C-alpha atoms as a PDB file:
ATOM      1  CA  MET A   1     -15.707 -27.604 -50.805  1.00  0.00           C
ATOM      2  CA  SER A   2     -14.404 -26.588 -47.136  1.00  0.00           C
ATOM      3  CA  ALA A   3     -12.538 -23.038 -46.788  1.00  0.00           C
ATOM      4  CA  PRO A   4      -8.387 -23.028 -46.458  1.00  0.00           C
ATOM      5  CA  LEU A   5      -6.387 -23.902 -43.334  1.00  0.00           C
ATOM      6  CA  LEU A   6      -3.826 -21.720 -44.636  1.00  0.00           C
ATOM      7  CA  ASP A   7      -4.082 -19.286 -47.736  1.00  0.00           C
ATOM      8  CA  ILE A   8      -1.291 -16.836 -49.423  1.00  0.00           C
ATOM      9  CA  CYS A   9      -1.455 -14.733 -51.600  1.00  0.00           C
ATOM     10  CA  GLY A  10       0.951 -12.397 -53.342  1.00  0.00           C
ATOM     11  CA  LEU A  11       3.463 -13.133 -50.500  1.00  0.00           C
ATOM     12  CA  SER A  12       6.932 -11.663 -51.139  1.00  0.00           C
ATOM     13  CA  VAL A  13      10.137 -12.085 -49.064  1.00  0.00           C
ATOM     14  CA  ARG A  14      13.288  -9.270 -50.160  1.00  0.00           C
ATOM     15  CA  PHE A  15      16.536  -9.694 -48.036  1.00  0.00           C
ATOM     16  CA  ALA A  16      18.587  -6.674 -47.839  1.00  0.00           C
ATOM     17  CA  THR A  17      22.663  -7.068 -48.545  1.00  0.00           C
ATOM     18  CA  ARG A  18      25.710  -5.570 -49.097  1.00  0.00           C
ATOM     19  CA  ARG A  19      25.024  -5.598 -53.036  1.00  0.00           C
ATOM     20  CA  GLY A  20      21.130  -4.337 -52.691  1.00  0.00           C
ATOM     21  CA  ALA A  21      18.130  -6.099 -52.145  1.00  0.00           C
ATOM     22  CA  PHE A  22      17.723 -10.176 -53.069  1.00  0.00           C
ATOM     23  CA  GLN A  23      14.114 -11.302 -53.643  1.00  0.00           C
ATOM     24  CA  ALA A  24      14.196 -14.466 -52.533  1.00  0.00           C
ATOM     25  CA  VAL A  25      10.431 -15.031 -52.355  1.00  0.00           C
ATOM     26  CA  ASP A  26       8.514 -13.770 -55.608  1.00  0.00           C
ATOM     27  CA  GLY A  27       4.819 -13.263 -55.129  1.00  0.00           C
ATOM     28  CA  VAL A  28       3.733 -16.887 -54.081  1.00  0.00           C
ATOM     29  CA  ASP A  29       0.067 -17.682 -53.969  1.00  0.00           C
ATOM     30  CA  LEU A  30      -0.359 -20.962 -51.019  1.00  0.00           C
ATOM     31  CA  SER A  31      -3.412 -22.280 -49.728  1.00  0.00           C
ATOM     32  CA  VAL A  32      -2.680 -25.355 -47.680  1.00  0.00           C
ATOM     33  CA  ALA A  33      -6.794 -27.545 -46.719  1.00  0.00           C
ATOM     34  CA  PRO A  34      -7.665 -28.825 -43.916  1.00  0.00           C
ATOM     35  CA  ASN A  35      -6.148 -32.388 -44.103  1.00  0.00           C
ATOM     36  CA  GLU A  36      -4.057 -31.713 -46.879  1.00  0.00           C
ATOM     37  CA  LEU A  37      -0.492 -33.172 -47.343  1.00  0.00           C
ATOM     38  CA  LEU A  38       0.500 -30.622 -49.619  1.00  0.00           C
ATOM     39  CA  ALA A  39       3.991 -31.204 -51.211  1.00  0.00           C
ATOM     40  CA  ILE A  40       6.539 -28.492 -52.197  1.00  0.00           C
ATOM     41  CA  VAL A  41       9.064 -29.469 -54.740  1.00  0.00           C
ATOM     42  CA  GLY A  42      12.120 -27.538 -56.323  1.00  0.00           C
ATOM     43  CA  GLU A  43      15.925 -26.830 -56.625  1.00  0.00           C
ATOM     44  CA  SER A  44      17.746 -25.914 -53.905  1.00  0.00           C
ATOM     45  CA  GLY A  45      16.985 -21.629 -54.055  1.00  0.00           C
ATOM     46  CA  SER A  46      13.850 -22.069 -54.676  1.00  0.00           C
ATOM     47  CA  GLY A  47      12.372 -19.766 -52.185  1.00  0.00           C
ATOM     48  CA  LYS A  48      10.951 -23.004 -50.386  1.00  0.00           C
ATOM     49  CA  SER A  49      12.107 -23.055 -46.682  1.00  0.00           C
ATOM     50  CA  VAL A  50      12.230 -19.346 -46.644  1.00  0.00           C
ATOM     51  CA  ALA A  51       8.461 -19.112 -47.950  1.00  0.00           C
ATOM     52  CA  MET A  52       7.629 -21.506 -44.785  1.00  0.00           C
ATOM     53  CA  LEU A  53       9.913 -19.824 -42.901  1.00  0.00           C
ATOM     54  CA  ALA A  54       7.907 -16.333 -43.357  1.00  0.00           C
ATOM     55  CA  ILE A  55       4.966 -17.502 -42.111  1.00  0.00           C
ATOM     56  CA  MET A  56       6.446 -18.771 -39.202  1.00  0.00           C
ATOM     57  CA  GLY A  57       8.351 -15.575 -38.761  1.00  0.00           C
ATOM     58  CA  LEU A  58      10.811 -16.573 -37.674  1.00  0.00           C
ATOM     59  CA  LEU A  59      13.123 -14.539 -40.795  1.00  0.00           C
ATOM     60  CA  PRO A  60      16.051 -12.673 -39.354  1.00  0.00           C
ATOM     61  CA  TRP A  61      15.947  -8.739 -39.124  1.00  0.00           C
ATOM     62  CA  THR A  62      17.198  -8.784 -42.993  1.00  0.00           C
ATOM     63  CA  ALA A  63      14.179 -10.004 -44.607  1.00  0.00           C
ATOM     64  CA  THR A  64      11.207  -7.853 -45.558  1.00  0.00           C
ATOM     65  CA  VAL A  65       7.783  -9.499 -45.854  1.00  0.00           C
ATOM     66  CA  THR A  66       4.942  -8.339 -47.971  1.00  0.00           C
ATOM     67  CA  ALA A  67       2.098  -9.934 -49.267  1.00  0.00           C
ATOM     68  CA  GLU A  68      -1.519  -9.343 -50.176  1.00  0.00           C
ATOM     69  CA  HIS A  69      -2.811 -11.318 -47.864  1.00  0.00           C
ATOM     70  CA  MET A  70      -1.791 -14.267 -45.686  1.00  0.00           C
ATOM     71  CA  ARG A  71      -4.448 -15.692 -42.948  1.00  0.00           C
ATOM     72  CA  PHE A  72      -4.160 -19.002 -40.817  1.00  0.00           C
ATOM     73  CA  ASP A  73      -7.846 -19.791 -40.544  1.00  0.00           C
ATOM     74  CA  GLY A  74      -8.984 -16.716 -41.290  1.00  0.00           C
ATOM     75  CA  GLN A  75      -6.792 -14.852 -38.894  1.00  0.00           C
ATOM     76  CA  ASP A  76      -4.280 -11.967 -40.168  1.00  0.00           C
ATOM     77  CA  LEU A  77      -0.623 -13.633 -39.755  1.00  0.00           C
ATOM     78  CA  LEU A  78       1.388  -9.922 -41.053  1.00  0.00           C
ATOM     79  CA  THR A  79      -0.871  -8.300 -38.487  1.00  0.00           C
ATOM     80  CA  LEU A  80      -0.266 -10.085 -35.584  1.00  0.00           C
ATOM     81  CA  THR A  81       1.160  -8.374 -32.167  1.00  0.00           C
ATOM     82  CA  PRO A  82       4.184 -10.093 -31.113  1.00  0.00           C
ATOM     83  CA  ARG A  83       2.131 -11.789 -28.202  1.00  0.00           C
ATOM     84  CA  GLN A  84      -0.402 -13.061 -30.556  1.00  0.00           C
ATOM     85  CA  ARG A  85       2.416 -14.880 -32.856  1.00  0.00           C
ATOM     86  CA  ARG A  86       3.736 -16.816 -30.150  1.00  0.00           C
ATOM     87  CA  ALA A  87       0.753 -17.472 -28.565  1.00  0.00           C
ATOM     88  CA  LEU A  88      -0.148 -19.149 -32.109  1.00  0.00           C
ATOM     89  CA  ILE A  89       3.434 -20.533 -33.605  1.00  0.00           C
ATOM     90  CA  GLY A  90       4.544 -23.494 -31.747  1.00  0.00           C
ATOM     91  CA  LYS A  91       0.785 -24.043 -30.969  1.00  0.00           C
ATOM     92  CA  ASP A  92      -1.870 -24.551 -33.649  1.00  0.00           C
ATOM     93  CA  VAL A  93       1.361 -23.891 -36.371  1.00  0.00           C
ATOM     94  CA  ALA A  94       4.416 -26.284 -35.806  1.00  0.00           C
ATOM     95  CA  MET A  95       7.373 -27.164 -37.970  1.00  0.00           C
ATOM     96  CA  VAL A  96       9.942 -29.772 -38.085  1.00  0.00           C
ATOM     97  CA  PHE A  97      13.024 -27.961 -38.845  1.00  0.00           C
ATOM     98  CA  GLN A  98      15.771 -29.655 -41.787  1.00  0.00           C
ATOM     99  CA  GLU A  99      18.831 -30.414 -39.499  1.00  0.00           C
ATOM    100  CA  PRO A 100      17.457 -32.062 -35.905  1.00  0.00           C
ATOM    101  CA  MET A 101      20.592 -32.082 -35.064  1.00  0.00           C
ATOM    102  CA  SER A 102      21.447 -28.003 -35.266  1.00  0.00           C
ATOM    103  CA  SER A 103      17.844 -27.582 -34.105  1.00  0.00           C
ATOM    104  CA  LEU A 104      18.107 -29.250 -31.001  1.00  0.00           C
ATOM    105  CA  ASN A 105      19.859 -27.909 -27.862  1.00  0.00           C
ATOM    106  CA  PRO A 106      23.152 -29.285 -26.856  1.00  0.00           C
ATOM    107  CA  CYS A 107      23.065 -28.746 -23.509  1.00  0.00           C
ATOM    108  CA  PHE A 108      19.230 -29.503 -22.482  1.00  0.00           C
ATOM    109  CA  THR A 109      17.845 -32.938 -22.549  1.00  0.00           C
ATOM    110  CA  VAL A 110      15.434 -33.708 -24.876  1.00  0.00           C
ATOM    111  CA  GLY A 111      12.323 -33.937 -22.282  1.00  0.00           C
ATOM    112  CA  TRP A 112      13.336 -31.230 -21.316  1.00  0.00           C
ATOM    113  CA  GLN A 113      12.309 -28.811 -24.532  1.00  0.00           C
ATOM    114  CA  ILE A 114       9.393 -31.008 -25.498  1.00  0.00           C
ATOM    115  CA  GLY A 115       8.540 -29.897 -21.933  1.00  0.00           C
ATOM    116  CA  GLU A 116       9.470 -26.298 -22.881  1.00  0.00           C
ATOM    117  CA  ALA A 117       6.545 -26.015 -25.995  1.00  0.00           C
ATOM    118  CA  LEU A 118       4.300 -27.595 -23.407  1.00  0.00           C
ATOM    119  CA  ALA A 119       4.805 -25.060 -20.206  1.00  0.00           C
ATOM    120  CA  GLN A 120       4.968 -22.608 -23.093  1.00  0.00           C
ATOM    121  CA  HIS A 121       1.086 -22.795 -24.954  1.00  0.00           C
ATOM    122  CA  THR A 122      -0.458 -25.526 -22.298  1.00  0.00           C
ATOM    123  CA  PRO A 123      -1.738 -25.087 -18.496  1.00  0.00           C
ATOM    124  CA  LEU A 124      -0.427 -28.893 -17.682  1.00  0.00           C
ATOM    125  CA  GLY A 125       1.241 -28.657 -14.493  1.00  0.00           C
ATOM    126  CA  ARG A 126       5.286 -29.923 -14.061  1.00  0.00           C
ATOM    127  CA  ARG A 127       4.148 -33.980 -13.337  1.00  0.00           C
ATOM    128  CA  GLU A 128       1.197 -33.781 -17.010  1.00  0.00           C
ATOM    129  CA  ARG A 129       3.711 -32.128 -18.970  1.00  0.00           C
ATOM    130  CA  GLN A 130       6.402 -34.642 -17.615  1.00  0.00           C
ATOM    131  CA  ALA A 131       3.905 -37.805 -18.306  1.00  0.00           C
ATOM    132  CA  ARG A 132       2.554 -35.910 -21.979  1.00  0.00           C
ATOM    133  CA  VAL A 133       6.537 -36.044 -22.795  1.00  0.00           C
ATOM    134  CA  ILE A 134       6.567 -39.577 -22.576  1.00  0.00           C
ATOM    135  CA  ALA A 135       3.158 -40.590 -24.113  1.00  0.00           C
ATOM    136  CA  LEU A 136       4.321 -38.553 -26.702  1.00  0.00           C
ATOM    137  CA  LEU A 137       7.919 -39.910 -27.200  1.00  0.00           C
ATOM    138  CA  GLU A 138       5.804 -43.017 -27.516  1.00  0.00           C
ATOM    139  CA  GLN A 139       3.607 -41.975 -29.860  1.00  0.00           C
ATOM    140  CA  VAL A 140       6.814 -40.542 -32.107  1.00  0.00           C
ATOM    141  CA  GLY A 141       8.393 -44.664 -32.061  1.00  0.00           C
ATOM    142  CA  ILE A 142      10.871 -43.989 -29.590  1.00  0.00           C
ATOM    143  CA  PRO A 143      11.821 -47.021 -27.795  1.00  0.00           C
ATOM    144  CA  ASP A 144      12.127 -46.714 -23.934  1.00  0.00           C
ATOM    145  CA  PRO A 145      10.718 -43.205 -23.912  1.00  0.00           C
ATOM    146  CA  VAL A 146      11.651 -42.625 -19.977  1.00  0.00           C
ATOM    147  CA  ARG A 147      14.861 -43.139 -20.181  1.00  0.00           C
ATOM    148  CA  ARG A 148      15.222 -41.464 -23.123  1.00  0.00           C
ATOM    149  CA  ALA A 149      13.892 -38.078 -22.612  1.00  0.00           C
ATOM    150  CA  ARG A 150      16.686 -38.278 -20.212  1.00  0.00           C
ATOM    151  CA  ALA A 151      19.044 -38.590 -23.116  1.00  0.00           C
ATOM    152  CA  PHE A 152      21.005 -35.699 -24.761  1.00  0.00           C
ATOM    153  CA  PRO A 153      20.522 -34.746 -28.566  1.00  0.00           C
ATOM    154  CA  HIS A 154      24.430 -35.855 -29.335  1.00  0.00           C
ATOM    155  CA  GLN A 155      23.216 -39.606 -27.539  1.00  0.00           C
ATOM    156  CA  LEU A 156      20.167 -40.238 -30.090  1.00  0.00           C
ATOM    157  CA  SER A 157      20.867 -41.027 -33.775  1.00  0.00           C
ATOM    158  CA  GLY A 158      19.772 -38.866 -36.386  1.00  0.00           C
ATOM    159  CA  GLY A 159      16.640 -40.741 -36.665  1.00  0.00           C
ATOM    160  CA  MET A 160      15.825 -40.536 -33.100  1.00  0.00           C
ATOM    161  CA  CYS A 161      16.486 -36.867 -32.840  1.00  0.00           C
ATOM    162  CA  GLN A 162      14.373 -36.597 -36.595  1.00  0.00           C
ATOM    163  CA  ARG A 163      11.594 -38.129 -34.132  1.00  0.00           C
ATOM    164  CA  VAL A 164      12.247 -36.557 -31.670  1.00  0.00           C
ATOM    165  CA  MET A 165      11.606 -32.689 -33.508  1.00  0.00           C
ATOM    166  CA  ILE A 166       8.409 -34.319 -34.933  1.00  0.00           C
ATOM    167  CA  ALA A 167       7.627 -35.489 -31.369  1.00  0.00           C
ATOM    168  CA  MET A 168       8.029 -31.131 -30.032  1.00  0.00           C
ATOM    169  CA  ALA A 169       6.516 -30.062 -33.380  1.00  0.00           C
ATOM    170  CA  LEU A 170       3.116 -32.398 -31.980  1.00  0.00           C
ATOM    171  CA  ALA A 171       3.428 -31.261 -28.794  1.00  0.00           C
ATOM    172  CA  CYS A 172       0.431 -28.959 -28.253  1.00  0.00           C
ATOM    173  CA  LYS A 173      -1.739 -30.978 -30.902  1.00  0.00           C
ATOM    174  CA  PRO A 174      -0.478 -27.980 -33.991  1.00  0.00           C
ATOM    175  CA  ARG A 175      -3.361 -27.484 -36.347  1.00  0.00           C
ATOM    176  CA  LEU A 176      -1.487 -27.616 -39.585  1.00  0.00           C
ATOM    177  CA  LEU A 177       2.605 -29.350 -39.352  1.00  0.00           C
ATOM    178  CA  ILE A 178       5.472 -27.835 -41.926  1.00  0.00           C
ATOM    179  CA  ALA A 179       7.545 -30.390 -42.023  1.00  0.00           C
ATOM    180  CA  ASP A 180      11.346 -29.187 -44.129  1.00  0.00           C
ATOM    181  CA  GLU A 181      13.020 -31.899 -45.358  1.00  0.00           C
ATOM    182  CA  PRO A 182      11.845 -34.043 -42.832  1.00  0.00           C
ATOM    183  CA  THR A 183      14.270 -37.449 -44.336  1.00  0.00           C
ATOM    184  CA  THR A 184      17.269 -35.363 -45.368  1.00  0.00           C
ATOM    185  CA  ALA A 185      20.396 -37.191 -44.193  1.00  0.00           C
ATOM    186  CA  LEU A 186      18.231 -40.655 -43.363  1.00  0.00           C
ATOM    187  CA  ASP A 187      19.044 -44.390 -44.716  1.00  0.00           C
ATOM    188  CA  VAL A 188      16.226 -45.406 -46.973  1.00  0.00           C
ATOM    189  CA  THR A 189      14.983 -47.532 -44.217  1.00  0.00           C
ATOM    190  CA  ILE A 190      14.226 -44.531 -41.676  1.00  0.00           C
ATOM    191  CA  GLN A 191      13.012 -42.124 -44.240  1.00  0.00           C
ATOM    192  CA  ALA A 192      10.211 -44.764 -44.792  1.00  0.00           C
ATOM    193  CA  GLN A 193       9.860 -44.727 -41.207  1.00  0.00           C
ATOM    194  CA  ILE A 194       9.614 -41.187 -40.640  1.00  0.00           C
ATOM    195  CA  MET A 195       7.021 -40.483 -43.539  1.00  0.00           C
ATOM    196  CA  ASP A 196       4.966 -43.697 -41.764  1.00  0.00           C
ATOM    197  CA  LEU A 197       4.667 -41.708 -38.825  1.00  0.00           C
ATOM    198  CA  LEU A 198       3.730 -38.305 -40.110  1.00  0.00           C
ATOM    199  CA  GLN A 199       1.149 -40.362 -42.505  1.00  0.00           C
ATOM    200  CA  THR A 200      -0.045 -41.593 -39.667  1.00  0.00           C
ATOM    201  CA  LEU A 201       0.035 -38.900 -37.315  1.00  0.00           C
ATOM    202  CA  ARG A 202      -2.221 -36.780 -39.589  1.00  0.00           C
ATOM    203  CA  LEU A 203      -4.186 -38.631 -40.565  1.00  0.00           C
ATOM    204  CA  ASP A 204      -4.930 -39.615 -36.633  1.00  0.00           C
ATOM    205  CA  THR A 205      -5.098 -36.051 -35.883  1.00  0.00           C
ATOM    206  CA  GLY A 206      -6.914 -34.126 -38.915  1.00  0.00           C
ATOM    207  CA  MET A 207      -3.930 -32.330 -39.212  1.00  0.00           C
ATOM    208  CA  ALA A 208      -2.682 -30.439 -42.273  1.00  0.00           C
ATOM    209  CA  LEU A 209       1.005 -31.186 -43.407  1.00  0.00           C
ATOM    210  CA  VAL A 210       3.116 -29.199 -46.064  1.00  0.00           C
ATOM    211  CA  LEU A 211       5.665 -30.695 -46.687  1.00  0.00           C
ATOM    212  CA  ILE A 212       9.141 -29.240 -48.532  1.00  0.00           C
ATOM    213  CA  THR A 213      10.606 -32.206 -50.065  1.00  0.00           C
ATOM    214  CA  HIS A 214      13.730 -33.110 -53.124  1.00  0.00           C
ATOM    215  CA  ASP A 215      12.123 -36.304 -53.052  1.00  0.00           C
ATOM    216  CA  LEU A 216       9.726 -36.747 -55.945  1.00  0.00           C
ATOM    217  CA  GLY A 217       8.935 -40.688 -54.508  1.00  0.00           C
ATOM    218  CA  VAL A 218       7.397 -39.824 -51.426  1.00  0.00           C
ATOM    219  CA  VAL A 219       5.480 -36.115 -52.862  1.00  0.00           C
ATOM    220  CA  ALA A 220       4.010 -39.205 -55.945  1.00  0.00           C
ATOM    221  CA  GLU A 221       3.351 -42.358 -52.706  1.00  0.00           C
ATOM    222  CA  ALA A 222       2.035 -39.389 -50.187  1.00  0.00           C
ATOM    223  CA  ALA A 223       0.854 -35.571 -51.146  1.00  0.00           C
ATOM    224  CA  ASP A 224      -2.258 -35.014 -52.278  1.00  0.00           C
ATOM    225  CA  ARG A 225      -1.251 -31.579 -53.642  1.00  0.00           C
ATOM    226  CA  VAL A 226       1.799 -30.427 -55.511  1.00  0.00           C
ATOM    227  CA  VAL A 227       3.471 -26.462 -55.489  1.00  0.00           C
ATOM    228  CA  VAL A 228       6.311 -26.539 -57.948  1.00  0.00           C
ATOM    229  CA  GLN A 229       8.406 -23.258 -57.394  1.00  0.00           C
ATOM    230  CA  TYR A 230      11.641 -22.476 -59.064  1.00  0.00           C
ATOM    231  CA  ALA A 231      13.744 -18.950 -58.187  1.00  0.00           C
ATOM    232  CA  GLY A 232      10.785 -18.095 -55.635  1.00  0.00           C
ATOM    233  CA  ARG A 233       8.018 -18.289 -58.255  1.00  0.00           C
ATOM    234  CA  VAL A 234       5.486 -21.080 -58.367  1.00  0.00           C
ATOM    235  CA  VAL A 235       5.486 -22.765 -61.393  1.00  0.00           C
ATOM    236  CA  GLU A 236       3.099 -25.440 -61.466  1.00  0.00           C
ATOM    237  CA  THR A 237      -0.172 -26.371 -59.021  1.00  0.00           C
ATOM    238  CA  GLN A 238      -1.554 -29.772 -59.991  1.00  0.00           C
ATOM    239  CA  PRO A 239      -3.244 -32.953 -57.511  1.00  0.00           C
ATOM    240  CA  ALA A 240      -0.305 -35.155 -57.254  1.00  0.00           C
ATOM    241  CA  ALA A 241      -2.092 -38.331 -59.428  1.00  0.00           C
ATOM    242  CA  THR A 242      -2.063 -35.956 -62.023  1.00  0.00           C
ATOM    243  CA  LEU A 243       1.693 -33.712 -62.026  1.00  0.00           C
ATOM    244  CA  PHE A 244       3.613 -37.269 -62.329  1.00  0.00           C
ATOM    245  CA  THR A 245       1.749 -38.171 -65.313  1.00  0.00           C
ATOM    246  CA  HIS A 246       0.321 -34.948 -67.137  1.00  0.00           C
ATOM    247  CA  PRO A 247       3.022 -32.117 -66.435  1.00  0.00           C
ATOM    248  CA  HIS A 248       2.872 -28.822 -67.584  1.00  0.00           C
ATOM    249  CA  HIS A 249       5.503 -26.968 -67.425  1.00  0.00           C
ATOM    250  CA  PRO A 250       8.791 -27.154 -68.798  1.00  0.00           C
ATOM    251  CA  TYR A 251      10.755 -26.964 -65.364  1.00  0.00           C
ATOM    252  CA  THR A 252       8.361 -29.626 -63.793  1.00  0.00           C
ATOM    253  CA  HIS A 253       8.601 -31.861 -66.820  1.00  0.00           C
ATOM    254  CA  ALA A 254      12.608 -31.432 -66.811  1.00  0.00           C
ATOM    255  CA  LEU A 255      12.983 -32.472 -63.143  1.00  0.00           C
ATOM    256  CA  LEU A 256      10.562 -35.977 -64.297  1.00  0.00           C
ATOM    257  CA  ALA A 257      13.229 -36.522 -66.592  1.00  0.00           C
ATOM    258  CA  ALA A 258      15.428 -36.641 -64.261  1.00  0.00           C
ATOM    259  CA  LEU A 259      14.420 -39.275 -62.257  1.00  0.00           C
ATOM    260  CA  PRO A 260      16.620 -42.572 -62.742  1.00  0.00           C
ATOM    261  CA  GLU A 261      13.435 -44.571 -62.811  1.00  0.00           C
ATOM    262  CA  ARG A 262      12.720 -42.529 -65.838  1.00  0.00           C
ATOM    263  CA  ALA A 263      15.803 -43.065 -67.984  1.00  0.00           C
ATOM    264  CA  THR A 264      15.516 -44.340 -71.399  1.00  0.00           C
ATOM    265  CA  GLY A 265      18.916 -44.246 -72.120  1.00  0.00           C
ATOM    266  CA  ALA A 266      22.691 -45.053 -70.807  1.00  0.00           C
ATOM    267  CA  ARG A 267      22.649 -41.418 -68.646  1.00  0.00           C
ATOM    268  CA  LEU A 268      19.924 -39.974 -66.779  1.00  0.00           C
ATOM    269  CA  GLU A 269      18.245 -36.736 -68.177  1.00  0.00           C
ATOM    270  CA  ALA A 270      19.961 -33.302 -66.504  1.00  0.00           C
ATOM    271  CA  ILE A 271      18.840 -29.331 -65.897  1.00  0.00           C
ATOM    272  CA  ASP A 272      21.727 -27.600 -67.524  1.00  0.00           C
ATOM    273  CA  GLY A 273      22.896 -24.827 -65.568  1.00  0.00           C
ATOM    274  CA  VAL A 274      21.578 -23.047 -62.121  1.00  0.00           C
ATOM    275  CA  VAL A 275      18.344 -21.119 -60.556  1.00  0.00           C
ATOM    276  CA  PRO A 276      19.159 -17.754 -61.179  1.00  0.00           C
ATOM    277  CA  GLY A 277      20.639 -16.130 -57.792  1.00  0.00           C
ATOM    278  CA  GLN A 278      20.350 -11.338 -57.134  1.00  0.00           C
ATOM    279  CA  SER A 279      22.810 -11.051 -60.129  1.00  0.00           C
ATOM    280  CA  ASP A 280      21.488 -12.436 -62.619  1.00  0.00           C
ATOM    281  CA  ARG A 281      17.564 -12.730 -63.089  1.00  0.00           C
ATOM    282  CA  PRO A 282      15.900 -12.820 -66.655  1.00  0.00           C
ATOM    283  CA  ALA A 283      13.952  -9.970 -67.494  1.00  0.00           C
ATOM    284  CA  GLY A 284      11.488 -12.604 -69.062  1.00  0.00           C
ATOM    285  CA  CYS A 285      10.725 -15.811 -68.152  1.00  0.00           C
ATOM    286  CA  LEU A 286      13.195 -16.988 -65.104  1.00  0.00           C
ATOM    287  CA  PHE A 287      13.265 -20.615 -66.246  1.00  0.00           C
ATOM    288  CA  ALA A 288      14.225 -19.467 -70.213  1.00  0.00           C
ATOM    289  CA  PRO A 289      17.629 -19.025 -69.772  1.00  0.00           C
ATOM    290  CA  ARG A 290      17.188 -23.636 -68.904  1.00  0.00           C
ATOM    291  CA  CYS A 291      14.438 -24.143 -70.707  1.00  0.00           C
ATOM    292  CA  ARG A 292      14.476 -26.184 -74.771  1.00  0.00           C
ATOM    293  CA  TRP A 293      11.296 -24.607 -75.644  1.00  0.00           C
ATOM    294  CA  ALA A 294      12.398 -20.967 -74.659  1.00  0.00           C
ATOM    295  CA  ASN A 295      11.915 -17.830 -77.248  1.00  0.00           C
ATOM    296  CA  ALA A 296      12.655 -14.358 -77.867  1.00  0.00           C
ATOM    297  CA  HIS A 297       9.676 -13.793 -76.383  1.00  0.00           C
ATOM    298  CA  CYS A 298      10.163 -16.072 -73.268  1.00  0.00           C
ATOM    299  CA  HIS A 299      13.529 -14.023 -72.270  1.00  0.00           C
ATOM    300  CA  ALA A 300      11.986 -10.931 -72.728  1.00  0.00           C
ATOM    301  CA  VAL A 301       8.761 -11.160 -70.976  1.00  0.00           C
ATOM    302  CA  LYS A 302       7.664 -12.295 -67.484  1.00  0.00           C
ATOM    303  CA  PRO A 303       5.273 -15.193 -68.391  1.00  0.00           C
ATOM    304  CA  LEU A 304       1.158 -15.310 -66.091  1.00  0.00           C
ATOM    305  CA  PRO A 305      -0.199 -18.462 -65.314  1.00  0.00           C
ATOM    306  CA  ALA A 306      -1.938 -20.764 -67.427  1.00  0.00           C
ATOM    307  CA  ASP A 307      -5.649 -21.287 -66.400  1.00  0.00           C
ATOM    308  CA  ALA A 308      -6.211 -24.187 -64.058  1.00  0.00           C
ATOM    309  CA  ALA A 309      -6.489 -26.981 -66.710  1.00  0.00           C
ATOM    310  CA  LEU A 310      -2.858 -26.485 -67.424  1.00  0.00           C
ATOM    311  CA  GLY A 311      -1.939 -26.562 -64.127  1.00  0.00           C
ATOM    312  CA  ARG A 312      -1.948 -22.794 -63.593  1.00  0.00           C
ATOM    313  CA  ALA A 313       1.732 -23.438 -65.124  1.00  0.00           C
ATOM    314  CA  LEU A 314       3.717 -19.728 -65.078  1.00  0.00           C
ATOM    315  CA  CYS A 315       4.711 -20.156 -68.458  1.00  0.00           C
ATOM    316  CA  HIS A 316       4.599 -18.785 -72.308  1.00  0.00           C
ATOM    317  CA  THR A 317       3.883 -22.570 -74.039  1.00  0.00           C
ATOM    318  CA  PRO A 318       3.289 -24.929 -71.070  1.00  0.00           C
ATOM    319  CA  LEU A 319       2.910 -28.896 -72.605  1.00  0.00           C
ATOM    320  CA  ASP A 320       0.097 -30.257 -73.584  1.00  0.00           C
ATOM    321  CA  ASP A 321      -0.667 -34.071 -72.570  1.00  0.00           C
ATOM    322  CA  ALA A 322       1.522 -35.597 -74.846  1.00  0.00           C
ATOM    323  CA  GLY A 323       4.456 -33.173 -73.624  1.00  0.00           C
ATOM    324  CA  GLN A 324       4.578 -30.964 -76.159  1.00  0.00           C
ATOM    325  CA  PRO A 325       4.029 -27.122 -75.827  1.00  0.00           C
ATOM    326  CA  ILE A 326       1.245 -25.151 -76.571  1.00  0.00           C
ATOM    327  CA  ALA A 327       1.492 -21.467 -77.643  1.00  0.00           C
ATOM    328  CA  LEU A 328      -1.023 -18.913 -75.682  1.00  0.00           C
ATOM    329  CA  ASN A 329      -2.180 -15.976 -76.166  1.00  0.00           C
ATOM    330  CA  LEU A 330       1.338 -13.256 -75.808  1.00  0.00           C
ATOM    331  CA  GLU A 331      -0.698 -10.610 -76.180  1.00  0.00           C
ATOM    332  CA  ASN A 332      -1.480 -10.584 -71.909  1.00  0.00           C
ATOM    333  CA  ALA A 333       2.006 -11.439 -70.007  1.00  0.00           C
ATOM    334  CA  ALA A 334       3.449  -9.032 -68.793  1.00  0.00           C
END
């Protein structure tokens, strides 16, 4: 097995607030292999985007980022100087942000904005950059790319702007692309086109892709491996093929049960309660207040990950292949 392109151990992100520190990401372990499509799923507030923004170095000054290690292709991201980070981010590691209309600068044409990335990271001259911009717009499926390059963001549709964001991220041929909800607020037809585009580009270029999404249908169809995140922690990691048939963490099981296509009665399944915030984080398992199988031990003691056969489920009583809880050895919980 090849060495991971991205290797993160114990990533934590804390934000300073008026009422103290808020733990947005809590000890996340993550690895991405070359050419792998890793999907990260979980409710809003689970810390998915924050963890990826920490990798990009795009968090505000109120954030404190710590980790045992955070490496890209063996390079320590925690010790990069500003100059080294600027040379890496945008070139070898790129990101498609969640809101294309707010991520693009309304004062400049989309062609100029794509060209800015090329000017920063490549030795191309002005005419070469212009030709590369047109080629990128054509590559992401934008019709009449010469005219569109001269357009401002407000003159393009949401789907077009999302394609522009993808073109900008791909401009310098990154080895790792992070796509944060790339199909949000797009109609179903455009969603399918965007995902087909990302998949095609991944297979053609060999880049690794981290996909942050709420769309479990996209995950089932496209992902190689899935990380389930809850309240800032990774609660399960499995290949996509087995996660949907044998979820082992009660939270993963509840997420899948809430899918409309899995509804067996007149009402859809729902997960009661909300993701814990700054002032209501449980002492034990973070999912315990919402878990149907939680007991007193779950509420009092933090769980440790189960073994790989159980998806590394962060649970005292992970579920077996039949969806029934297994009581693990609780003496090792901490």
